N, C-alpha and C. Protein backbone atom coordinates (compact mmCIF):
# COMPACT_ATOMS: atom_id res chain seq x y z
N UNK A 1 0.95 -1.51 0.09
CA UNK A 1 0.07 0.22 0.07
C UNK A 1 1.01 1.34 -0.02
N UNK A 2 0.67 2.14 -0.82
CA UNK A 2 1.57 3.45 -0.94
C UNK A 2 0.62 4.56 -0.74
N UNK A 3 1.34 5.34 0.59
CA UNK A 3 0.54 6.35 1.16
C UNK A 3 0.81 7.73 0.06
N UNK A 4 -0.06 8.42 -0.07
CA UNK A 4 -0.06 9.70 -0.94
C UNK A 4 -0.55 11.08 -0.44
N UNK A 5 0.41 12.14 -0.19
CA UNK A 5 -0.24 12.94 0.60
C UNK A 5 -0.98 13.70 -0.86
N UNK A 6 -2.06 14.71 -0.16
CA UNK A 6 -2.94 15.63 -1.02
C UNK A 6 -2.50 16.76 -0.06
N UNK A 7 -2.17 17.93 -1.36
CA UNK A 7 -1.48 19.17 -1.29
C UNK A 7 -2.51 20.22 -1.42
N UNK A 8 -2.85 21.42 -0.76
CA UNK A 8 -3.69 22.73 -1.41
C UNK A 8 -2.69 23.32 -2.47
N UNK A 9 -3.10 24.12 -2.90
CA UNK A 9 -2.17 24.98 -3.87
C UNK A 9 -1.47 26.12 -3.24
N UNK A 10 -1.15 26.12 -1.89
CA UNK A 10 -0.09 26.43 -1.39
C UNK A 10 1.17 25.55 -0.79
N UNK A 11 0.77 24.30 -1.02
CA UNK A 11 1.91 23.31 -0.84
C UNK A 11 1.83 22.85 0.33
N UNK A 12 0.72 23.11 1.27
CA UNK A 12 0.40 22.36 2.30
C UNK A 12 -0.45 20.67 2.52
N UNK A 13 0.17 20.15 3.32
CA UNK A 13 -0.70 18.61 3.17
C UNK A 13 -1.76 18.93 3.66
N UNK A 14 -3.15 18.39 3.11
CA UNK A 14 -4.53 18.20 3.89
C UNK A 14 -5.17 17.14 4.18
N UNK A 15 -4.64 16.25 3.44
CA UNK A 15 -5.04 14.90 3.67
C UNK A 15 -4.23 14.03 3.04
N UNK A 16 -4.54 12.49 3.15
CA UNK A 16 -3.39 11.86 2.55
C UNK A 16 -4.64 10.36 1.91
N UNK A 17 -3.90 9.87 0.73
CA UNK A 17 -4.85 9.04 0.07
C UNK A 17 -3.97 7.46 0.44
N UNK A 18 -4.69 6.49 0.25
CA UNK A 18 -3.62 5.01 0.13
C UNK A 18 -4.37 4.47 -1.07
N UNK A 19 -2.98 3.93 -1.71
CA UNK A 19 -3.21 3.33 -3.24
C UNK A 19 -2.51 1.93 -3.10
N UNK A 20 -3.65 1.08 -3.80
CA UNK A 20 -3.56 -0.44 -3.59
C UNK A 20 -2.32 -0.47 -4.85
N UNK A 21 -1.46 -0.99 -4.83
CA UNK A 21 -0.32 -1.40 -5.94
C UNK A 21 -1.24 -2.08 -7.18
N UNK A 22 -2.10 -3.12 -6.41
CA UNK A 22 -2.72 -4.21 -7.44
C UNK A 22 -3.83 -3.49 -8.33
N UNK A 23 -4.00 -2.17 -7.75
CA UNK A 23 -5.09 -1.71 -9.00
C UNK A 23 -4.31 -1.32 -9.96
N UNK A 24 -3.00 -0.83 -9.88
CA UNK A 24 -2.33 -0.46 -11.11
C UNK A 24 -1.59 -1.51 -11.59
N UNK A 25 -1.83 -2.96 -11.23
CA UNK A 25 -1.18 -3.77 -11.89
C UNK A 25 -0.38 -4.62 -11.16
N UNK A 26 -0.05 -4.07 -10.14
CA UNK A 26 0.66 -5.15 -8.52
C UNK A 26 2.22 -4.56 -9.10
N UNK A 27 2.81 -4.55 -10.26
CA UNK A 27 4.23 -4.35 -10.62
C UNK A 27 4.17 -3.84 -11.68
N UNK A 28 5.56 -2.94 -11.94
CA UNK A 28 5.74 -2.22 -13.15
C UNK A 28 6.09 -3.41 -14.46
N UNK A 29 5.67 -3.34 -15.51
CA UNK A 29 5.38 -4.50 -16.54
C UNK A 29 6.53 -3.48 -17.80
N UNK A 30 7.90 -3.52 -17.17
CA UNK A 30 9.02 -2.81 -17.92
C UNK A 30 9.13 -3.37 -19.51
N UNK A 31 8.58 -4.68 -19.81
CA UNK A 31 8.85 -4.82 -21.44
C UNK A 31 7.74 -4.46 -21.92
N UNK A 32 6.68 -4.30 -21.45
CA UNK A 32 5.43 -3.82 -21.97
C UNK A 32 5.36 -2.33 -22.27
N UNK A 33 5.95 -1.98 -21.23
CA UNK A 33 6.06 -0.15 -21.28
C UNK A 33 7.15 -0.12 -22.25
N UNK A 34 8.08 -0.48 -22.38
CA UNK A 34 9.01 -0.33 -23.60
C UNK A 34 8.43 -0.25 -24.94
N UNK A 35 7.56 -1.35 -25.01
CA UNK A 35 6.93 -1.45 -26.34
C UNK A 35 5.93 -0.20 -26.45
N UNK A 36 5.54 0.28 -25.51
CA UNK A 36 4.21 1.24 -25.88
C UNK A 36 5.16 2.63 -25.89
N UNK A 37 6.43 3.19 -25.31
CA UNK A 37 7.03 3.98 -25.66
C UNK A 37 7.74 4.18 -27.00
N UNK A 38 7.93 3.04 -27.27
CA UNK A 38 8.46 2.82 -28.86
C UNK A 38 7.30 3.13 -30.13
N UNK A 39 6.24 2.77 -29.39
CA UNK A 39 5.24 2.84 -30.18
C UNK A 39 4.92 4.32 -30.25
N UNK A 40 4.73 5.07 -29.00
CA UNK A 40 4.15 6.47 -28.80
C UNK A 40 5.25 7.38 -30.18
N UNK A 41 6.77 7.15 -29.64
CA UNK A 41 7.79 7.61 -30.59
C UNK A 41 7.49 7.51 -31.90
N UNK A 42 7.56 5.97 -32.35
CA UNK A 42 6.98 5.80 -33.82
C UNK A 42 6.22 6.34 -34.58
N UNK A 43 4.83 6.26 -33.72
CA UNK A 43 3.64 7.55 -33.96
C UNK A 43 3.75 8.96 -34.12
N UNK A 44 4.80 9.25 -33.66
CA UNK A 44 5.39 10.85 -34.11
C UNK A 44 6.01 11.02 -34.81
N UNK A 45 6.58 10.14 -36.05
CA UNK A 45 7.29 10.39 -37.03
C UNK A 45 6.28 10.53 -37.91
N UNK A 46 6.69 11.55 -39.03
CA UNK A 46 5.87 12.20 -40.18
C UNK A 46 6.27 11.21 -41.31
N UNK A 47 7.06 10.94 -41.46
CA UNK A 47 7.31 9.69 -42.66
C UNK A 47 7.21 10.22 -44.01
N UNK A 48 7.42 11.52 -44.05
CA UNK A 48 7.32 12.21 -45.47
C UNK A 48 8.35 12.39 -46.61
N UNK A 49 9.90 11.85 -45.88
CA UNK A 49 11.18 12.61 -46.36
C UNK A 49 11.14 11.73 -47.77
N UNK A 50 11.52 12.64 -48.84
CA UNK A 50 11.53 11.65 -50.14
C UNK A 50 12.53 12.43 -50.99
N UNK A 51 13.69 11.52 -51.72
CA UNK A 51 14.24 11.93 -52.68
C UNK A 51 14.09 11.20 -54.34
N UNK A 52 14.68 11.94 -54.97
CA UNK A 52 14.36 11.20 -56.53
C UNK A 52 15.18 10.16 -56.71
N UNK A 53 14.87 8.94 -57.17
CA UNK A 53 15.81 7.94 -57.69
C UNK A 53 16.11 8.28 -59.26
N UNK A 54 17.02 7.47 -59.81
CA UNK A 54 17.44 7.90 -61.09
C UNK A 54 16.44 7.59 -62.37
N UNK A 55 15.50 6.94 -61.56
CA UNK A 55 13.93 6.71 -62.43
C UNK A 55 13.18 7.97 -62.68
N UNK A 56 13.31 8.87 -61.42
CA UNK A 56 12.38 9.99 -61.39
C UNK A 56 13.15 11.66 -61.86
N UNK A 57 14.46 11.38 -62.35
CA UNK A 57 15.26 12.87 -62.72
C UNK A 57 15.17 12.65 -63.97
N UNK A 58 15.24 13.90 -64.85
CA UNK A 58 15.14 14.19 -65.86
C UNK A 58 16.65 13.78 -66.79
N UNK A 59 16.48 13.25 -68.12
CA UNK A 59 17.78 12.85 -68.63
C UNK A 59 17.39 11.63 -69.68
N UNK A 60 18.41 11.64 -70.78
CA UNK A 60 18.38 10.43 -71.60
C UNK A 60 18.57 9.07 -70.83
N UNK A 61 18.12 8.24 -71.50
CA UNK A 61 18.45 6.88 -71.31
C UNK A 61 19.89 6.04 -71.94
N UNK A 62 20.37 7.07 -72.65
CA UNK A 62 21.04 6.56 -73.74
C UNK A 62 22.70 6.63 -72.90
N UNK A 63 23.36 5.47 -72.92
CA UNK A 63 24.79 5.26 -72.41
C UNK A 63 25.56 6.53 -72.86
N UNK A 64 26.37 6.85 -72.17
CA UNK A 64 26.86 8.34 -72.39
C UNK A 64 28.09 8.09 -73.70
N UNK A 65 28.97 6.83 -73.47
CA UNK A 65 29.74 6.91 -74.71
C UNK A 65 29.69 5.17 -74.66
N UNK A 66 30.14 4.57 -75.75
CA UNK A 66 30.39 3.05 -75.75
C UNK A 66 31.39 2.63 -74.72
N UNK A 67 31.00 1.56 -74.43
CA UNK A 67 32.35 0.62 -73.18
C UNK A 67 33.39 0.78 -73.43
N UNK A 68 33.78 0.43 -74.59
CA UNK A 68 35.36 0.16 -74.59
C UNK A 68 35.80 0.91 -75.83
N UNK A 69 37.23 1.12 -75.83
CA UNK A 69 38.06 1.94 -77.00
C UNK A 69 38.19 3.63 -76.82
N UNK A 70 37.12 4.14 -75.56
CA UNK A 70 37.67 5.50 -75.35
C UNK A 70 38.85 6.02 -74.57
N UNK A 71 39.26 4.84 -73.94
CA UNK A 71 40.08 5.03 -72.67
C UNK A 71 39.85 5.58 -71.43
N UNK A 72 38.26 6.08 -71.52
CA UNK A 72 37.47 6.49 -70.16
C UNK A 72 36.75 5.28 -69.46
N UNK A 73 36.91 5.86 -68.14
CA UNK A 73 36.17 4.61 -67.47
C UNK A 73 34.39 4.37 -68.12
N UNK A 74 34.09 3.02 -67.69
CA UNK A 74 32.99 2.85 -68.28
C UNK A 74 31.83 3.86 -67.35
N UNK A 75 30.89 4.27 -68.00
CA UNK A 75 29.64 4.90 -67.59
C UNK A 75 28.69 4.56 -68.12
N UNK A 76 27.39 4.82 -67.39
CA UNK A 76 25.92 4.44 -67.83
C UNK A 76 25.61 5.93 -68.75
N UNK A 77 24.21 5.96 -68.03
CA UNK A 77 23.34 7.04 -68.45
C UNK A 77 23.73 8.28 -67.47
N UNK A 78 23.12 9.61 -68.09
CA UNK A 78 23.43 10.89 -67.46
C UNK A 78 22.55 10.70 -65.96
N UNK A 79 21.71 9.76 -66.08
CA UNK A 79 20.70 10.01 -64.59
C UNK A 79 21.57 8.87 -63.46
N UNK A 80 22.49 8.62 -63.62
CA UNK A 80 23.15 7.41 -62.62
C UNK A 80 23.38 8.38 -61.33
N UNK A 81 23.39 7.64 -60.36
CA UNK A 81 23.68 8.36 -58.97
C UNK A 81 25.21 8.82 -58.66
N UNK A 82 26.09 8.72 -59.52
CA UNK A 82 27.32 9.27 -59.31
C UNK A 82 27.52 10.29 -59.89
N UNK A 83 26.77 10.70 -60.79
CA UNK A 83 26.91 11.75 -61.57
C UNK A 83 26.02 13.01 -60.90
N UNK A 84 26.57 14.46 -61.24
CA UNK A 84 26.26 15.55 -60.84
C UNK A 84 24.28 15.90 -61.59
N UNK A 85 23.52 15.92 -60.76
CA UNK A 85 22.26 16.12 -61.09
C UNK A 85 21.84 14.44 -61.61
N UNK A 86 22.25 13.50 -60.95
CA UNK A 86 21.56 12.49 -61.35
C UNK A 86 20.76 12.08 -60.29
N UNK A 87 19.89 11.02 -59.96
CA UNK A 87 18.97 10.65 -59.13
C UNK A 87 20.11 9.94 -57.74
N UNK A 88 19.39 9.86 -56.76
CA UNK A 88 19.96 9.35 -55.54
C UNK A 88 19.92 7.69 -55.54
N UNK A 89 20.91 7.44 -54.92
CA UNK A 89 21.48 5.78 -55.64
C UNK A 89 20.31 4.93 -54.66
N UNK A 90 20.34 5.32 -53.17
CA UNK A 90 19.23 4.40 -52.35
C UNK A 90 18.05 5.84 -51.89
N UNK A 91 17.05 5.95 -53.28
CA UNK A 91 16.06 7.30 -52.58
C UNK A 91 15.11 6.58 -51.56
N UNK A 92 15.06 8.09 -50.66
CA UNK A 92 14.13 7.61 -49.56
C UNK A 92 12.56 8.05 -50.34
N UNK A 93 11.62 7.33 -49.71
CA UNK A 93 10.29 7.42 -50.38
C UNK A 93 9.49 7.45 -48.83
N UNK A 94 8.52 8.00 -49.04
CA UNK A 94 7.35 8.18 -47.63
C UNK A 94 7.06 6.99 -47.32
N UNK A 95 6.67 6.93 -46.13
CA UNK A 95 6.58 5.73 -45.63
C UNK A 95 5.96 5.81 -44.13
N UNK A 96 5.20 4.84 -43.86
CA UNK A 96 3.90 4.69 -42.45
C UNK A 96 4.81 4.00 -41.26
N UNK A 97 5.43 4.53 -40.38
CA UNK A 97 6.26 4.50 -39.04
C UNK A 97 5.36 3.95 -38.11
N UNK A 98 4.18 4.02 -38.21
CA UNK A 98 3.18 4.13 -36.88
C UNK A 98 2.91 2.63 -36.62
N UNK A 99 2.87 2.31 -35.26
CA UNK A 99 2.82 1.02 -34.99
C UNK A 99 1.36 1.09 -33.72
N UNK A 100 0.98 0.06 -33.57
CA UNK A 100 -0.15 -0.26 -32.72
C UNK A 100 0.24 -1.49 -31.68
N UNK A 101 -1.04 -1.09 -30.68
CA UNK A 101 -1.16 -2.31 -29.26
C UNK A 101 -2.64 -2.03 -29.24
N UNK A 102 -2.97 -3.64 -28.80
CA UNK A 102 -4.36 -4.06 -28.37
C UNK A 102 -4.60 -2.85 -27.36
N UNK A 103 -5.55 -2.58 -27.17
CA UNK A 103 -6.46 -1.65 -26.19
C UNK A 103 -5.92 -2.04 -24.81
N UNK A 104 -5.91 -3.20 -24.41
CA UNK A 104 -5.96 -3.74 -22.89
C UNK A 104 -4.13 -3.44 -22.80
N UNK A 105 -3.29 -3.79 -23.43
CA UNK A 105 -2.28 -3.65 -23.45
C UNK A 105 -1.85 -2.27 -23.32
N UNK A 106 -2.24 -1.19 -23.77
CA UNK A 106 -2.10 0.28 -23.60
C UNK A 106 -2.60 0.55 -22.60
N UNK A 107 -3.58 0.09 -21.82
CA UNK A 107 -3.94 0.44 -20.52
C UNK A 107 -2.93 -0.13 -19.27
N UNK A 108 -2.71 -1.45 -19.62
CA UNK A 108 -1.47 -1.93 -18.49
C UNK A 108 -0.20 -1.42 -18.58
N UNK A 109 0.38 -0.58 -19.86
CA UNK A 109 1.41 -0.01 -19.98
C UNK A 109 1.33 1.37 -19.26
N UNK A 110 0.03 1.92 -19.50
CA UNK A 110 -0.28 3.25 -18.66
C UNK A 110 -0.15 3.16 -17.35
N UNK A 111 -1.14 2.12 -16.84
CA UNK A 111 -0.71 1.46 -15.36
C UNK A 111 0.81 1.45 -15.04
N UNK A 112 1.17 0.86 -15.79
CA UNK A 112 2.98 0.30 -15.24
C UNK A 112 3.62 1.78 -15.19
N UNK A 113 3.49 2.73 -15.91
CA UNK A 113 4.14 4.29 -16.11
C UNK A 113 3.58 4.97 -14.77
N UNK A 114 2.26 4.96 -14.12
CA UNK A 114 1.86 5.67 -13.55
C UNK A 114 2.43 5.09 -12.01
N UNK A 115 2.39 4.00 -11.92
CA UNK A 115 3.17 2.65 -10.73
C UNK A 115 4.75 3.27 -10.31
N UNK A 116 5.16 3.15 -11.86
CA UNK A 116 6.66 3.58 -11.72
C UNK A 116 6.82 4.92 -10.94
N UNK A 117 6.05 6.19 -11.28
CA UNK A 117 6.11 7.44 -11.32
C UNK A 117 5.42 7.68 -9.31
N UNK A 118 4.71 6.51 -9.21
CA UNK A 118 4.48 6.19 -7.73
C UNK A 118 5.58 6.04 -6.75
N UNK A 119 6.18 4.80 -7.36
CA UNK A 119 7.49 4.13 -6.38
C UNK A 119 8.41 5.21 -6.48
N UNK A 120 8.52 5.91 -7.21
CA UNK A 120 9.66 6.76 -7.48
C UNK A 120 9.18 8.28 -6.43
N UNK A 121 8.36 8.39 -6.20
CA UNK A 121 7.65 9.50 -5.42
C UNK A 121 7.62 10.82 -6.40
N UNK A 122 7.38 10.20 -7.74
CA UNK A 122 7.11 11.17 -8.68
C UNK A 122 5.70 11.83 -8.97
N UNK A 123 4.74 11.76 -7.99
CA UNK A 123 3.21 11.71 -8.78
C UNK A 123 2.94 12.95 -7.29
N UNK A 124 2.33 14.13 -7.43
CA UNK A 124 1.83 14.80 -6.59
C UNK A 124 0.70 15.19 -7.15
N UNK A 125 -0.34 15.16 -5.71
CA UNK A 125 -1.78 15.10 -5.86
C UNK A 125 -2.11 16.55 -5.13
N UNK A 126 -2.93 17.38 -5.95
CA UNK A 126 -3.14 18.41 -5.62
C UNK A 126 -5.20 18.30 -5.21
N UNK A 127 -5.35 19.05 -3.99
CA UNK A 127 -6.93 19.04 -4.09
C UNK A 127 -7.74 19.96 -5.22
N UNK A 128 -7.15 20.55 -5.88
CA UNK A 128 -7.83 21.35 -7.14
C UNK A 128 -7.05 22.63 -7.37
N UNK A 129 -7.37 22.36 -8.89
CA UNK A 129 -6.85 23.61 -9.63
C UNK A 129 -7.67 24.38 -10.30
N UNK A 130 -8.56 25.30 -9.91
CA UNK A 130 -9.55 26.33 -10.45
C UNK A 130 -8.95 27.63 -10.90
N UNK A 131 -9.16 28.05 -11.88
CA UNK A 131 -8.79 28.98 -12.61
C UNK A 131 -9.56 30.24 -13.34
N UNK A 132 -10.30 31.35 -12.52
CA UNK A 132 -11.34 31.99 -12.89
C UNK A 132 -11.27 32.47 -14.32
N UNK A 133 -9.76 32.83 -14.67
CA UNK A 133 -9.29 33.43 -15.72
C UNK A 133 -7.53 33.08 -16.13
N UNK A 134 -7.42 32.67 -17.27
CA UNK A 134 -5.76 32.13 -17.48
C UNK A 134 -4.68 33.12 -16.34
N UNK A 135 -3.99 32.50 -16.09
CA UNK A 135 -2.87 33.30 -15.12
C UNK A 135 -1.65 32.35 -15.09
N UNK A 136 -0.68 32.80 -15.98
CA UNK A 136 0.69 32.15 -16.23
C UNK A 136 1.70 32.36 -14.60
N UNK A 137 1.25 33.29 -13.94
CA UNK A 137 1.90 33.72 -12.96
C UNK A 137 1.54 32.80 -11.60
N UNK A 138 0.56 32.86 -11.62
CA UNK A 138 -0.29 31.99 -10.58
C UNK A 138 -0.10 30.40 -10.66
N UNK A 139 0.01 29.96 -11.59
CA UNK A 139 0.17 28.80 -12.26
C UNK A 139 1.51 28.08 -11.87
N UNK A 140 2.63 29.21 -12.41
CA UNK A 140 3.88 28.97 -11.93
C UNK A 140 4.14 28.77 -10.43
N UNK A 141 3.11 29.84 -9.58
CA UNK A 141 3.56 29.68 -7.75
C UNK A 141 3.11 28.61 -7.51
N UNK A 142 2.29 27.84 -7.99
CA UNK A 142 1.80 26.88 -7.74
C UNK A 142 2.69 25.51 -7.76
N UNK A 143 2.88 25.70 -8.98
CA UNK A 143 4.40 24.71 -8.83
C UNK A 143 5.27 24.85 -8.48
N UNK A 144 5.62 25.96 -7.85
CA UNK A 144 6.59 25.99 -7.05
C UNK A 144 6.45 25.83 -5.54
N UNK A 145 5.14 26.13 -4.86
CA UNK A 145 4.53 25.68 -3.68
C UNK A 145 4.84 24.25 -3.69
N UNK A 146 4.52 23.50 -4.60
CA UNK A 146 4.60 21.91 -4.82
C UNK A 146 5.94 21.46 -5.05
N UNK A 147 6.91 22.30 -5.00
CA UNK A 147 8.57 22.12 -5.44
C UNK A 147 8.27 21.14 -6.69
N UNK A 148 7.84 21.34 -7.63
CA UNK A 148 8.09 20.65 -8.92
C UNK A 148 9.05 21.98 -9.95
N UNK A 149 9.80 21.38 -10.10
CA UNK A 149 10.76 22.43 -11.04
C UNK A 149 11.39 21.66 -12.02
N UNK A 150 10.87 20.48 -12.32
CA UNK A 150 11.15 19.63 -13.82
C UNK A 150 9.82 19.28 -14.56
N UNK A 151 10.38 18.66 -15.77
CA UNK A 151 9.10 18.62 -16.49
C UNK A 151 8.08 17.99 -15.85
N UNK A 152 6.77 18.25 -16.06
CA UNK A 152 5.37 18.03 -15.52
C UNK A 152 4.17 17.70 -16.18
N UNK A 153 3.69 16.80 -16.17
CA UNK A 153 2.30 16.33 -16.83
C UNK A 153 1.21 16.57 -15.71
N UNK A 154 0.49 17.51 -16.17
CA UNK A 154 -0.60 18.03 -15.29
C UNK A 154 -1.59 17.26 -15.55
N UNK A 155 -2.34 16.28 -15.03
CA UNK A 155 -3.54 15.67 -15.14
C UNK A 155 -4.93 16.01 -14.55
N UNK A 156 -5.94 16.37 -15.41
CA UNK A 156 -6.82 16.54 -14.80
C UNK A 156 -8.28 15.75 -15.13
N UNK A 157 -9.58 16.08 -14.49
CA UNK A 157 -10.79 15.21 -15.01
C UNK A 157 -11.19 15.58 -16.20
N UNK A 158 -11.55 16.65 -16.35
CA UNK A 158 -12.16 17.36 -17.31
C UNK A 158 -11.23 18.43 -18.24
N UNK A 159 -11.37 18.66 -19.20
CA UNK A 159 -10.59 19.79 -19.86
C UNK A 159 -10.99 21.39 -19.00
N UNK A 160 -10.15 22.18 -18.83
CA UNK A 160 -10.35 23.39 -18.21
C UNK A 160 -9.71 24.11 -19.33
N UNK A 161 -10.31 25.51 -19.73
CA UNK A 161 -9.47 25.85 -20.84
C UNK A 161 -8.75 27.18 -20.06
N UNK A 162 -9.09 27.53 -19.01
CA UNK A 162 -8.10 28.59 -18.49
C UNK A 162 -7.01 27.84 -17.63
N UNK A 163 -7.13 26.81 -17.09
CA UNK A 163 -5.73 25.96 -16.69
C UNK A 163 -4.89 25.31 -18.07
N UNK A 164 -5.17 25.45 -19.50
CA UNK A 164 -4.25 25.05 -20.54
C UNK A 164 -3.68 26.37 -20.77
N UNK A 165 -4.67 27.37 -20.59
CA UNK A 165 -3.75 28.60 -20.87
C UNK A 165 -2.99 29.18 -20.11
N UNK A 166 -3.04 28.89 -18.90
CA UNK A 166 -2.33 29.29 -17.70
C UNK A 166 -1.02 28.34 -17.93
N UNK A 167 -0.90 27.12 -18.26
CA UNK A 167 0.06 26.35 -18.53
C UNK A 167 0.76 26.43 -19.72
N UNK A 168 0.27 27.10 -20.94
CA UNK A 168 0.81 26.86 -21.85
C UNK A 168 2.10 27.59 -22.48
N UNK A 169 2.46 28.70 -21.55
CA UNK A 169 4.04 29.76 -21.79
C UNK A 169 4.77 28.95 -20.66
N UNK A 170 4.56 27.76 -19.84
CA UNK A 170 5.63 27.23 -18.70
C UNK A 170 6.17 26.23 -19.75
N UNK A 171 7.55 26.38 -19.68
CA UNK A 171 7.98 25.26 -20.40
C UNK A 171 8.05 23.73 -19.72
N UNK A 172 8.17 22.85 -20.58
CA UNK A 172 7.93 21.59 -20.57
C UNK A 172 7.16 20.97 -19.29
N UNK A 173 5.79 21.49 -19.26
CA UNK A 173 4.35 21.49 -18.49
C UNK A 173 3.61 21.45 -19.42
N UNK A 174 2.74 20.28 -19.62
CA UNK A 174 1.83 19.97 -20.60
C UNK A 174 0.49 19.87 -19.52
N UNK A 175 -0.78 19.68 -19.82
CA UNK A 175 -1.71 19.61 -19.70
C UNK A 175 -2.81 18.45 -20.09
N UNK A 176 -3.33 17.32 -19.38
CA UNK A 176 -3.78 16.62 -20.27
C UNK A 176 -5.10 16.33 -19.29
N UNK A 177 -6.22 15.48 -20.08
CA UNK A 177 -7.15 14.87 -19.36
C UNK A 177 -7.01 13.59 -18.85
N UNK A 178 -7.66 12.81 -18.13
CA UNK A 178 -7.28 11.85 -17.68
C UNK A 178 -7.74 10.91 -18.94
N UNK A 179 -8.84 10.77 -19.55
CA UNK A 179 -8.90 10.10 -20.49
C UNK A 179 -8.19 9.94 -22.00
N UNK A 180 -7.22 11.12 -21.84
CA UNK A 180 -6.02 11.31 -22.95
C UNK A 180 -4.56 10.35 -22.39
N UNK A 181 -4.69 10.27 -21.11
CA UNK A 181 -3.39 9.44 -20.66
C UNK A 181 -2.78 8.14 -21.60
N UNK A 182 -1.58 8.37 -21.81
CA UNK A 182 -0.98 7.22 -21.93
C UNK A 182 0.51 7.03 -21.59
N UNK A 183 1.10 5.86 -22.05
CA UNK A 183 2.57 5.83 -21.12
C UNK A 183 3.70 6.39 -21.74
N UNK A 184 3.16 6.85 -23.06
CA UNK A 184 4.49 7.74 -23.74
C UNK A 184 4.64 9.31 -22.81
N UNK A 185 3.26 10.00 -23.01
CA UNK A 185 3.60 10.97 -22.14
C UNK A 185 3.92 10.97 -21.07
N UNK A 186 3.20 10.04 -20.23
CA UNK A 186 3.57 9.74 -18.76
C UNK A 186 5.26 9.85 -18.64
N UNK A 187 5.81 8.92 -19.48
CA UNK A 187 7.46 8.95 -19.46
C UNK A 187 8.11 9.85 -19.93
N UNK A 188 7.44 10.68 -20.82
CA UNK A 188 8.26 11.80 -21.28
C UNK A 188 8.27 13.12 -20.42
N UNK A 189 7.67 12.97 -19.47
CA UNK A 189 7.74 13.58 -18.03
C UNK A 189 8.01 13.30 -16.90
N UNK A 190 8.84 14.46 -16.09
CA UNK A 190 9.48 13.35 -14.66
C UNK A 190 8.65 13.52 -13.72
N UNK A 191 7.69 14.37 -13.24
CA UNK A 191 6.69 14.43 -12.53
C UNK A 191 5.56 14.39 -13.12
N UNK A 192 4.46 14.04 -12.47
CA UNK A 192 3.12 13.85 -12.71
C UNK A 192 2.27 14.80 -11.50
N UNK A 193 1.56 15.45 -11.92
CA UNK A 193 0.46 16.55 -10.88
C UNK A 193 -0.89 15.79 -11.18
N UNK A 194 -1.53 15.32 -10.26
CA UNK A 194 -2.88 15.21 -10.70
C UNK A 194 -3.49 16.16 -9.51
N UNK A 195 -5.09 16.16 -9.88
CA UNK A 195 -5.99 16.63 -9.01
C UNK A 195 -6.45 15.63 -8.46
N UNK A 196 -7.13 15.89 -7.27
CA UNK A 196 -7.51 14.76 -6.51
C UNK A 196 -8.69 13.89 -7.29
N UNK A 197 -9.78 14.75 -8.00
CA UNK A 197 -10.28 14.09 -8.55
C UNK A 197 -9.94 13.32 -9.84
N UNK A 198 -8.82 13.88 -10.38
CA UNK A 198 -8.47 12.92 -11.74
C UNK A 198 -7.70 11.61 -11.01
N UNK A 199 -7.24 11.69 -10.02
CA UNK A 199 -6.32 10.65 -9.84
C UNK A 199 -7.21 9.65 -9.14
N UNK A 200 -8.70 10.06 -8.52
CA UNK A 200 -9.34 9.17 -7.76
C UNK A 200 -10.27 8.35 -9.14
N UNK A 201 -10.57 9.24 -10.12
CA UNK A 201 -10.98 8.77 -11.69
C UNK A 201 -10.19 7.70 -11.90
N UNK A 202 -8.64 7.64 -12.06
CA UNK A 202 -8.11 6.85 -12.42
C UNK A 202 -7.93 5.63 -11.65
N UNK A 203 -8.01 5.59 -10.83
CA UNK A 203 -8.43 4.22 -9.39
C UNK A 203 -9.58 3.76 -9.83
N UNK A 204 -10.48 4.62 -9.68
CA UNK A 204 -11.93 4.41 -9.57
C UNK A 204 -12.21 3.35 -11.46
N UNK A 205 -11.59 3.89 -12.73
CA UNK A 205 -11.62 3.30 -13.52
C UNK A 205 -11.03 2.10 -13.58
N UNK A 206 -9.72 2.06 -12.88
CA UNK A 206 -9.21 0.52 -13.04
C UNK A 206 -9.49 -0.40 -12.28
N UNK A 207 -10.22 0.29 -10.86
CA UNK A 207 -11.02 -0.70 -10.16
C UNK A 207 -12.18 -1.82 -10.66
N UNK A 208 -13.11 -0.55 -11.53
CA UNK A 208 -14.11 -1.23 -12.19
C UNK A 208 -14.02 -2.25 -13.60
N UNK A 209 -12.72 -1.98 -14.33
CA UNK A 209 -12.35 -2.39 -15.29
C UNK A 209 -11.66 -3.70 -14.74
N UNK A 210 -10.96 -3.78 -13.57
CA UNK A 210 -10.65 -5.53 -13.14
C UNK A 210 -11.71 -6.02 -12.78
N UNK A 211 -12.85 -5.37 -12.42
CA UNK A 211 -14.16 -6.21 -11.88
C UNK A 211 -14.66 -6.86 -13.05
């Protein structure tokens, strides 16, 4: 059982939560987690790089000069890859780098990522993040009160426009609703900041799916 403190926006502990590791899979599945991270990075690749092969460049197909009797080294046509203006020998073509994983594996990988953060004390829970209007300075102050000075993934139960705008100009800080959480984004950030409501949503969802 992991004991997790809940803080207010001033950095003061107001209560605590007890988290059963079994709800998040019981142990960190490192092989599955790596597979999910590889998929995350692969799906970020655009795959639009392209260069022209010798069949794509303009020029005659005729051999420049005969094979023997000229005293020169033998050559092909003007479009060969070793001549200026010729095609690329091993030309790049657009390709799809995307990978996929079954839904259950993606969820198990996400749980492993959250559990790994919990075991390393890299999860912070705040009782609420409510902003009447966007204010980057106020949100930066909250992060300072919670002693978060590294990259951080802020997780909320539902979309909050004012919170998104408040965090938008802070480097290496991203805001994401619980419904969009994935292992890749979790592993990409050093810290995770949950609202209490969002963290309970994660635990309740896993308990429900486990039953």
